Amino acid sequence: MKETLETIILKALGELGVQAESVVLEHPADLAHGDYSTSAALA
């Protein structure tokens, strides 16, 4: 699942004109905030 999410995020960034080699997906400290988190929007 993690690899699928990374691929989707990289594709979306590419469509927005943002070139990224990789994205970092992490489990948030508080699992009430979701299964994964990323700072891709800040890149």
C-alpha atoms as a PDB file:
ATOM      1  CA  MET A   1       0.000   0.000   0.000  1.00  0.00           C
ATOM      2  CA  LYS A   2       2.813   2.392   0.858  1.00  0.00           C
ATOM      3  CA  GLU A   3       4.363   2.018  -2.602  1.00  0.00           C
ATOM      4  CA  THR A   4       0.987   2.638  -4.250  1.00  0.00           C
ATOM      5  CA  LEU A   5       0.520   5.853  -2.274  1.00  0.00           C
ATOM      6  CA  GLU A   6       4.038   7.022  -3.137  1.00  0.00           C
ATOM      7  CA  THR A   7       3.337   6.450  -6.834  1.00  0.00           C
ATOM      8  CA  ILE A   8       0.028   8.327  -6.694  1.00  0.00           C
ATOM      9  CA  ILE A   9       1.590  11.281  -4.862  1.00  0.00           C
ATOM     10  CA  LEU A  10       4.537  11.468  -7.281  1.00  0.00           C
ATOM     11  CA  LYS A  11       2.153  11.381 -10.250  1.00  0.00           C
ATOM     12  CA  ALA A  12       0.001  14.148  -8.754  1.00  0.00           C
ATOM     13  CA  LEU A  13       3.065  16.289  -8.056  1.00  0.00           C
ATOM     14  CA  GLY A  14       4.250  15.761 -11.637  1.00  0.00           C
ATOM     15  CA  GLU A  15       0.890  16.887 -12.992  1.00  0.00           C
ATOM     16  CA  LEU A  16       1.295  20.057 -10.941  1.00  0.00           C
ATOM     17  CA  GLY A  17       4.737  20.663 -12.401  1.00  0.00           C
ATOM     18  CA  VAL A  18       6.630  19.676  -9.267  1.00  0.00           C
ATOM     19  CA  GLN A  19       9.547  17.356  -9.987  1.00  0.00           C
ATOM     20  CA  ALA A  20      10.289  15.043  -7.076  1.00  0.00           C
ATOM     21  CA  GLU A  21      12.479  11.959  -7.003  1.00  0.00           C
ATOM     22  CA  SER A  22      10.706  10.487  -3.980  1.00  0.00           C
ATOM     23  CA  VAL A  23       8.285  11.279  -1.193  1.00  0.00           C
ATOM     24  CA  VAL A  24       8.468  10.321   2.461  1.00  0.00           C
ATOM     25  CA  LEU A  25       5.467   8.569   3.969  1.00  0.00           C
ATOM     26  CA  GLU A  26       5.426   8.093   7.731  1.00  0.00           C
ATOM     27  CA  HIS A  27       3.014   6.873  10.315  1.00  0.00           C
ATOM     28  CA  PRO A  28       1.852   9.877  12.370  1.00  0.00           C
ATOM     29  CA  ALA A  29       2.642   9.874  16.072  1.00  0.00           C
ATOM     30  CA  ASP A  30      -1.081   9.978  16.831  1.00  0.00           C
ATOM     31  CA  LEU A  31      -2.855   7.307  14.768  1.00  0.00           C
ATOM     32  CA  ALA A  32      -6.086   9.296  15.119  1.00  0.00           C
ATOM     33  CA  HIS A  33      -4.534  11.560  12.450  1.00  0.00           C
ATOM     34  CA  GLY A  34      -4.558   8.798   9.832  1.00  0.00           C
ATOM     35  CA  ASP A  35      -2.515   5.859   8.621  1.00  0.00           C
ATOM     36  CA  TYR A  36       0.187   7.826   6.773  1.00  0.00           C
ATOM     37  CA  SER A  37       1.433  11.375   6.625  1.00  0.00           C
ATOM     38  CA  THR A  38       3.717  13.216   4.205  1.00  0.00           C
ATOM     39  CA  SER A  39       5.212  16.667   3.889  1.00  0.00           C
ATOM     40  CA  ALA A  40       5.023  16.556   0.067  1.00  0.00           C
ATOM     41  CA  ALA A  41       2.752  19.608   0.019  1.00  0.00           C
ATOM     42  CA  LEU A  42       5.535  21.654   1.595  1.00  0.00           C
ATOM     43  CA  ALA A  43       8.143  20.626  -0.971  1.00  0.00           C
END
